[in-house]
Amino acid sequence: MSTVFEIEQAIASLSEEDRIALENRLIVKRFGIDALSDEEHAELMESLDEAEREVEEGQTFTGDELREALRSWVGK
């Protein structure tokens, strides 16, 4: 059994609150967004959730549209 599989199983057993906390930590580690305020962070997460839903619904976007959306999400 792979370590990644074991980690995925452990994540699946987390409460929603703990899973969200873990996701937030991983995002901070990956993208260095720890400078965001709690409100900015919450807005970013909501935007990412919305983007994920749109992708799952089959919506597509150009690179320029994605860059513009990202700028709006991070307030730049």
PDB file of N, CA and C in Angstrom:
ATOM      1  N   MET A   1       0.850  -1.172   0.000  1.00  0.00           N
ATOM      2  CA  MET A   1       0.000   0.000   0.000  1.00  0.00           C
ATOM      3  C   MET A   1       0.902   1.244   0.000  1.00  0.00           C
ATOM      4  N   SER A   2       0.567   2.213  -0.842  1.00  0.00           N
ATOM      5  CA  SER A   2       1.402   3.402  -0.951  1.00  0.00           C
ATOM      6  C   SER A   2       1.109   4.397   0.164  1.00  0.00           C
ATOM      7  N   THR A   3       2.091   5.214   0.442  1.00  0.00           N
ATOM      8  CA  THR A   3       1.924   6.257   1.449  1.00  0.00           C
ATOM      9  C   THR A   3       0.832   7.237   1.034  1.00  0.00           C
ATOM     10  N   VAL A   4       0.778   7.584  -0.253  1.00  0.00           N
ATOM     11  CA  VAL A   4      -0.249   8.504  -0.733  1.00  0.00           C
ATOM     12  C   VAL A   4      -1.638   7.929  -0.481  1.00  0.00           C
ATOM     13  N   PHE A   5      -1.805   6.657  -0.747  1.00  0.00           N
ATOM     14  CA  PHE A   5      -3.094   6.008  -0.511  1.00  0.00           C
ATOM     15  C   PHE A   5      -3.454   6.060   0.975  1.00  0.00           C
ATOM     16  N   GLU A   6      -2.491   5.787   1.833  1.00  0.00           N
ATOM     17  CA  GLU A   6      -2.734   5.835   3.278  1.00  0.00           C
ATOM     18  C   GLU A   6      -3.107   7.244   3.727  1.00  0.00           C
ATOM     19  N   ILE A   7      -2.450   8.236   3.157  1.00  0.00           N
ATOM     20  CA  ILE A   7      -2.774   9.625   3.493  1.00  0.00           C
ATOM     21  C   ILE A   7      -4.188   9.950   3.029  1.00  0.00           C
ATOM     22  N   GLU A   8      -4.536   9.523   1.818  1.00  0.00           N
ATOM     23  CA  GLU A   8      -5.889   9.766   1.315  1.00  0.00           C
ATOM     24  C   GLU A   8      -6.937   9.121   2.212  1.00  0.00           C
ATOM     25  N   GLN A   9      -6.656   7.921   2.683  1.00  0.00           N
ATOM     26  CA  GLN A   9      -7.594   7.243   3.591  1.00  0.00           C
ATOM     27  C   GLN A   9      -7.725   8.020   4.898  1.00  0.00           C
ATOM     28  N   ALA A  10      -6.615   8.496   5.421  1.00  0.00           N
ATOM     29  CA  ALA A  10      -6.648   9.258   6.672  1.00  0.00           C
ATOM     30  C   ALA A  10      -7.433  10.551   6.485  1.00  0.00           C
ATOM     31  N   ILE A  11      -7.237  11.219   5.358  1.00  0.00           N
ATOM     32  CA  ILE A  11      -7.963  12.463   5.087  1.00  0.00           C
ATOM     33  C   ILE A  11      -9.460  12.194   5.011  1.00  0.00           C
ATOM     34  N   ALA A  12      -9.834  11.085   4.394  1.00  0.00           N
ATOM     35  CA  ALA A  12     -11.253  10.749   4.260  1.00  0.00           C
ATOM     36  C   ALA A  12     -11.927  10.558   5.615  1.00  0.00           C
ATOM     37  N   SER A  13     -11.145  10.214   6.620  1.00  0.00           N
ATOM     38  CA  SER A  13     -11.742   9.978   7.940  1.00  0.00           C
ATOM     39  C   SER A  13     -11.817  11.249   8.794  1.00  0.00           C
ATOM     40  N   LEU A  14     -11.271  12.362   8.291  1.00  0.00           N
ATOM     41  CA  LEU A  14     -11.292  13.609   9.050  1.00  0.00           C
ATOM     42  C   LEU A  14     -12.689  14.216   9.072  1.00  0.00           C
ATOM     43  N   SER A  15     -12.955  14.977  10.108  1.00  0.00           N
ATOM     44  CA  SER A  15     -14.189  15.765  10.123  1.00  0.00           C
ATOM     45  C   SER A  15     -14.050  16.854   9.060  1.00  0.00           C
ATOM     46  N   GLU A  16     -15.165  17.430   8.657  1.00  0.00           N
ATOM     47  CA  GLU A  16     -15.107  18.493   7.642  1.00  0.00           C
ATOM     48  C   GLU A  16     -14.236  19.655   8.128  1.00  0.00           C
ATOM     49  N   GLU A  17     -14.368  20.005   9.383  1.00  0.00           N
ATOM     50  CA  GLU A  17     -13.584  21.106   9.945  1.00  0.00           C
ATOM     51  C   GLU A  17     -12.083  20.809   9.869  1.00  0.00           C
ATOM     52  N   ASP A  18     -11.698  19.599  10.249  1.00  0.00           N
ATOM     53  CA  ASP A  18     -10.281  19.226  10.190  1.00  0.00           C
ATOM     54  C   ASP A  18      -9.784  19.134   8.748  1.00  0.00           C
ATOM     55  N   ARG A  19     -10.638  18.643   7.845  1.00  0.00           N
ATOM     56  CA  ARG A  19     -10.246  18.548   6.438  1.00  0.00           C
ATOM     57  C   ARG A  19     -10.002  19.929   5.850  1.00  0.00           C
ATOM     58  N   ILE A  20     -10.878  20.879   6.169  1.00  0.00           N
ATOM     59  CA  ILE A  20     -10.710  22.246   5.686  1.00  0.00           C
ATOM     60  C   ILE A  20      -9.436  22.854   6.249  1.00  0.00           C
ATOM     61  N   ALA A  21      -9.176  22.616   7.532  1.00  0.00           N
ATOM     62  CA  ALA A  21      -7.949  23.131   8.146  1.00  0.00           C
ATOM     63  C   ALA A  21      -6.717  22.557   7.451  1.00  0.00           C
ATOM     64  N   LEU A  22      -6.750  21.274   7.142  1.00  0.00           N
ATOM     65  CA  LEU A  22      -5.632  20.643   6.437  1.00  0.00           C
ATOM     66  C   LEU A  22      -5.468  21.233   5.044  1.00  0.00           C
ATOM     67  N   GLU A  23      -6.570  21.383   4.318  1.00  0.00           N
ATOM     68  CA  GLU A  23      -6.509  21.972   2.979  1.00  0.00           C
ATOM     69  C   GLU A  23      -5.893  23.365   3.040  1.00  0.00           C
ATOM     70  N   ASN A  24      -6.310  24.153   4.010  1.00  0.00           N
ATOM     71  CA  ASN A  24      -5.770  25.505   4.159  1.00  0.00           C
ATOM     72  C   ASN A  24      -4.269  25.477   4.402  1.00  0.00           C
ATOM     73  N   ARG A  25      -3.817  24.581   5.258  1.00  0.00           N
ATOM     74  CA  ARG A  25      -2.382  24.472   5.533  1.00  0.00           C
ATOM     75  C   ARG A  25      -1.603  24.085   4.293  1.00  0.00           C
ATOM     76  N   LEU A  26      -2.146  23.133   3.530  1.00  0.00           N
ATOM     77  CA  LEU A  26      -1.461  22.688   2.314  1.00  0.00           C
ATOM     78  C   LEU A  26      -1.397  23.794   1.272  1.00  0.00           C
ATOM     79  N   ILE A  27      -2.466  24.556   1.146  1.00  0.00           N
ATOM     80  CA  ILE A  27      -2.475  25.675   0.198  1.00  0.00           C
ATOM     81  C   ILE A  27      -1.434  26.710   0.591  1.00  0.00           C
ATOM     82  N   VAL A  28      -1.365  27.018   1.878  1.00  0.00           N
ATOM     83  CA  VAL A  28      -0.374  27.985   2.352  1.00  0.00           C
ATOM     84  C   VAL A  28       1.035  27.490   2.042  1.00  0.00           C
ATOM     85  N   LYS A  29       1.291  26.215   2.298  1.00  0.00           N
ATOM     86  CA  LYS A  29       2.613  25.652   2.015  1.00  0.00           C
ATOM     87  C   LYS A  29       2.925  25.705   0.527  1.00  0.00           C
ATOM     88  N   ARG A  30       1.942  25.415  -0.288  1.00  0.00           N
ATOM     89  CA  ARG A  30       2.156  25.332  -1.737  1.00  0.00           C
ATOM     90  C   ARG A  30       2.265  26.702  -2.387  1.00  0.00           C
ATOM     91  N   PHE A  31       1.425  27.642  -1.986  1.00  0.00           N
ATOM     92  CA  PHE A  31       1.321  28.903  -2.697  1.00  0.00           C
ATOM     93  C   PHE A  31       1.757  30.114  -1.883  1.00  0.00           C
ATOM     94  N   GLY A  32       2.106  29.932  -0.621  1.00  0.00           N
ATOM     95  CA  GLY A  32       2.601  31.040   0.175  1.00  0.00           C
ATOM     96  C   GLY A  32       1.609  32.166   0.371  1.00  0.00           C
ATOM     97  N   ILE A  33       0.358  31.830   0.568  1.00  0.00           N
ATOM     98  CA  ILE A  33      -0.665  32.863   0.713  1.00  0.00           C
ATOM     99  C   ILE A  33      -0.944  33.186   2.178  1.00  0.00           C
ATOM    100  N   ASP A  34       0.020  32.895   3.027  1.00  0.00           N
ATOM    101  CA  ASP A  34      -0.191  33.120   4.453  1.00  0.00           C
ATOM    102  C   ASP A  34      -0.290  34.597   4.799  1.00  0.00           C
ATOM    103  N   ALA A  35       0.018  35.474   3.854  1.00  0.00           N
ATOM    104  CA  ALA A  35      -0.086  36.904   4.109  1.00  0.00           C
ATOM    105  C   ALA A  35      -1.528  37.397   4.002  1.00  0.00           C
ATOM    106  N   LEU A  36      -2.430  36.549   3.507  1.00  0.00           N
ATOM    107  CA  LEU A  36      -3.827  36.954   3.373  1.00  0.00           C
ATOM    108  C   LEU A  36      -4.499  37.043   4.740  1.00  0.00           C
ATOM    109  N   SER A  37      -5.408  37.992   4.861  1.00  0.00           N
ATOM    110  CA  SER A  37      -6.219  38.073   6.081  1.00  0.00           C
ATOM    111  C   SER A  37      -7.195  36.903   6.082  1.00  0.00           C
ATOM    112  N   ASP A  38      -7.819  36.661   7.218  1.00  0.00           N
ATOM    113  CA  ASP A  38      -8.809  35.575   7.305  1.00  0.00           C
ATOM    114  C   ASP A  38      -9.936  35.783   6.293  1.00  0.00           C
ATOM    115  N   GLU A  39     -10.369  37.037   6.147  1.00  0.00           N
ATOM    116  CA  GLU A  39     -11.453  37.342   5.207  1.00  0.00           C
ATOM    117  C   GLU A  39     -10.996  37.102   3.763  1.00  0.00           C
ATOM    118  N   GLU A  40      -9.797  37.563   3.429  1.00  0.00           N
ATOM    119  CA  GLU A  40      -9.272  37.344   2.075  1.00  0.00           C
ATOM    120  C   GLU A  40      -9.107  35.860   1.791  1.00  0.00           C
ATOM    121  N   HIS A  41      -8.631  35.145   2.789  1.00  0.00           N
ATOM    122  CA  HIS A  41      -8.435  33.703   2.633  1.00  0.00           C
ATOM    123  C   HIS A  41      -9.769  33.013   2.391  1.00  0.00           C
ATOM    124  N   ALA A  42     -10.782  33.387   3.160  1.00  0.00           N
ATOM    125  CA  ALA A  42     -12.111  32.797   2.993  1.00  0.00           C
ATOM    126  C   ALA A  42     -12.667  33.101   1.607  1.00  0.00           C
ATOM    127  N   GLU A  43     -12.476  34.333   1.148  1.00  0.00           N
ATOM    128  CA  GLU A  43     -12.944  34.710  -0.188  1.00  0.00           C
ATOM    129  C   GLU A  43     -12.219  33.912  -1.262  1.00  0.00           C
ATOM    130  N   LEU A  44     -10.919  33.736  -1.104  1.00  0.00           N
ATOM    131  CA  LEU A  44     -10.153  32.948  -2.065  1.00  0.00           C
ATOM    132  C   LEU A  44     -10.649  31.514  -2.103  1.00  0.00           C
ATOM    133  N   MET A  45     -10.870  30.911  -0.936  1.00  0.00           N
ATOM    134  CA  MET A  45     -11.337  29.535  -0.882  1.00  0.00           C
ATOM    135  C   MET A  45     -12.713  29.401  -1.536  1.00  0.00           C
ATOM    136  N   GLU A  46     -13.597  30.363  -1.299  1.00  0.00           N
ATOM    137  CA  GLU A  46     -14.918  30.334  -1.930  1.00  0.00           C
ATOM    138  C   GLU A  46     -14.781  30.425  -3.446  1.00  0.00           C
ATOM    139  N   SER A  47     -13.878  31.285  -3.913  1.00  0.00           N
ATOM    140  CA  SER A  47     -13.660  31.433  -5.346  1.00  0.00           C
ATOM    141  C   SER A  47     -13.109  30.150  -5.952  1.00  0.00           C
ATOM    142  N   LEU A  48     -12.185  29.517  -5.250  1.00  0.00           N
ATOM    143  CA  LEU A  48     -11.626  28.261  -5.745  1.00  0.00           C
ATOM    144  C   LEU A  48     -12.681  27.165  -5.786  1.00  0.00           C
ATOM    145  N   ASP A  49     -13.541  27.123  -4.764  1.00  0.00           N
ATOM    146  CA  ASP A  49     -14.641  26.151  -4.759  1.00  0.00           C
ATOM    147  C   ASP A  49     -15.573  26.390  -5.943  1.00  0.00           C
ATOM    148  N   GLU A  50     -15.872  27.666  -6.204  1.00  0.00           N
ATOM    149  CA  GLU A  50     -16.736  28.016  -7.331  1.00  0.00           C
ATOM    150  C   GLU A  50     -16.074  27.607  -8.654  1.00  0.00           C
ATOM    151  N   ALA A  51     -14.793  27.872  -8.781  1.00  0.00           N
ATOM    152  CA  ALA A  51     -14.076  27.489  -9.999  1.00  0.00           C
ATOM    153  C   ALA A  51     -14.097  25.976 -10.189  1.00  0.00           C
ATOM    154  N   GLU A  52     -13.911  25.248  -9.104  1.00  0.00           N
ATOM    155  CA  GLU A  52     -13.939  23.784  -9.182  1.00  0.00           C
ATOM    156  C   GLU A  52     -15.306  23.293  -9.648  1.00  0.00           C
ATOM    157  N   ARG A  53     -16.369  23.891  -9.117  1.00  0.00           N
ATOM    158  CA  ARG A  53     -17.729  23.512  -9.531  1.00  0.00           C
ATOM    159  C   ARG A  53     -17.924  23.785 -11.028  1.00  0.00           C
ATOM    160  N   GLU A  54     -17.432  24.942 -11.488  1.00  0.00           N
ATOM    161  CA  GLU A  54     -17.589  25.299 -12.893  1.00  0.00           C
ATOM    162  C   GLU A  54     -16.848  24.311 -13.797  1.00  0.00           C
ATOM    163  N   VAL A  55     -15.654  23.926 -13.395  1.00  0.00           N
ATOM    164  CA  VAL A  55     -14.888  22.950 -14.174  1.00  0.00           C
ATOM    165  C   VAL A  55     -15.633  21.618 -14.206  1.00  0.00           C
ATOM    166  N   GLU A  56     -16.153  21.194 -13.050  1.00  0.00           N
ATOM    167  CA  GLU A  56     -16.887  19.938 -12.985  1.00  0.00           C
ATOM    168  C   GLU A  56     -18.146  19.972 -13.853  1.00  0.00           C
ATOM    169  N   GLU A  57     -18.719  21.176 -14.032  1.00  0.00           N
ATOM    170  CA  GLU A  57     -19.911  21.333 -14.875  1.00  0.00           C
ATOM    171  C   GLU A  57     -19.552  21.430 -16.357  1.00  0.00           C
ATOM    172  N   GLY A  58     -18.250  21.399 -16.660  1.00  0.00           N
ATOM    173  CA  GLY A  58     -17.811  21.412 -18.048  1.00  0.00           C
ATOM    174  C   GLY A  58     -17.535  22.786 -18.613  1.00  0.00           C
ATOM    175  N   GLN A  59     -17.590  23.820 -17.798  1.00  0.00           N
ATOM    176  CA  GLN A  59     -17.285  25.155 -18.287  1.00  0.00           C
ATOM    177  C   GLN A  59     -15.784  25.273 -18.541  1.00  0.00           C
ATOM    178  N   THR A  60     -15.430  25.995 -19.583  1.00  0.00           N
ATOM    179  CA  THR A  60     -14.021  26.210 -19.888  1.00  0.00           C
ATOM    180  C   THR A  60     -13.738  27.697 -19.956  1.00  0.00           C
ATOM    181  N   PHE A  61     -12.474  28.048 -19.763  1.00  0.00           N
ATOM    182  CA  PHE A  61     -12.064  29.437 -19.738  1.00  0.00           C
ATOM    183  C   PHE A  61     -10.738  29.595 -20.467  1.00  0.00           C
ATOM    184  N   THR A  62     -10.519  30.749 -21.049  1.00  0.00           N
ATOM    185  CA  THR A  62      -9.236  31.026 -21.682  1.00  0.00           C
ATOM    186  C   THR A  62      -8.213  31.372 -20.606  1.00  0.00           C
ATOM    187  N   GLY A  63      -6.948  31.339 -20.976  1.00  0.00           N
ATOM    188  CA  GLY A  63      -5.892  31.722 -20.039  1.00  0.00           C
ATOM    189  C   GLY A  63      -6.076  33.148 -19.544  1.00  0.00           C
ATOM    190  N   ASP A  64      -6.457  34.062 -20.443  1.00  0.00           N
ATOM    191  CA  ASP A  64      -6.672  35.458 -20.040  1.00  0.00           C
ATOM    192  C   ASP A  64      -7.821  35.568 -19.033  1.00  0.00           C
ATOM    193  N   GLU A  65      -8.885  34.801 -19.252  1.00  0.00           N
ATOM    194  CA  GLU A  65     -10.011  34.826 -18.314  1.00  0.00           C
ATOM    195  C   GLU A  65      -9.582  34.307 -16.944  1.00  0.00           C
ATOM    196  N   LEU A  66      -8.765  33.264 -16.940  1.00  0.00           N
ATOM    197  CA  LEU A  66      -8.289  32.715 -15.671  1.00  0.00           C
ATOM    198  C   LEU A  66      -7.375  33.701 -14.949  1.00  0.00           C
ATOM    199  N   ARG A  67      -6.481  34.352 -15.686  1.00  0.00           N
ATOM    200  CA  ARG A  67      -5.600  35.340 -15.052  1.00  0.00           C
ATOM    201  C   ARG A  67      -6.405  36.494 -14.453  1.00  0.00           C
ATOM    202  N   GLU A  68      -7.409  36.967 -15.194  1.00  0.00           N
ATOM    203  CA  GLU A  68      -8.244  38.064 -14.691  1.00  0.00           C
ATOM    204  C   GLU A  68      -9.006  37.629 -13.440  1.00  0.00           C
ATOM    205  N   ALA A  69      -9.535  36.417 -13.461  1.00  0.00           N
ATOM    206  CA  ALA A  69     -10.255  35.903 -12.291  1.00  0.00           C
ATOM    207  C   ALA A  69      -9.321  35.805 -11.101  1.00  0.00           C
ATOM    208  N   LEU A  70      -8.119  35.301 -11.327  1.00  0.00           N
ATOM    209  CA  LEU A  70      -7.152  35.163 -10.228  1.00  0.00           C
ATOM    210  C   LEU A  70      -6.822  36.518  -9.633  1.00  0.00           C
ATOM    211  N   ARG A  71      -6.628  37.515 -10.501  1.00  0.00           N
ATOM    212  CA  ARG A  71      -6.339  38.871  -9.984  1.00  0.00           C
ATOM    213  C   ARG A  71      -7.494  39.371  -9.118  1.00  0.00           C
ATOM    214  N   SER A  72      -8.718  39.085  -9.524  1.00  0.00           N
ATOM    215  CA  SER A  72      -9.862  39.546  -8.723  1.00  0.00           C
ATOM    216  C   SER A  72      -9.941  38.795  -7.396  1.00  0.00           C
ATOM    217  N   TRP A  73      -9.537  37.505  -7.399  1.00  0.00           N
ATOM    218  CA  TRP A  73      -9.596  36.704  -6.173  1.00  0.00           C
ATOM    219  C   TRP A  73      -8.597  37.179  -5.145  1.00  0.00           C
ATOM    220  N   VAL A  74      -7.429  37.598  -5.600  1.00  0.00           N
ATOM    221  CA  VAL A  74      -6.392  38.003  -4.658  1.00  0.00           C
ATOM    222  C   VAL A  74      -6.340  39.509  -4.474  1.00  0.00           C
ATOM    223  N   GLY A  75      -7.273  40.219  -5.113  1.00  0.00           N
ATOM    224  CA  GLY A  75      -7.389  41.655  -4.909  1.00  0.00           C
ATOM    225  C   GLY A  75      -6.300  42.465  -5.570  1.00  0.00           C
ATOM    226  N   LYS A  76      -5.772  41.988  -6.688  1.00  0.00           N
ATOM    227  CA  LYS A  76      -4.719  42.729  -7.394  1.00  0.00           C
ATOM    228  C   LYS A  76      -5.128  42.992  -8.820  1.00  0.00           C
TER     229      LYS A  76
END
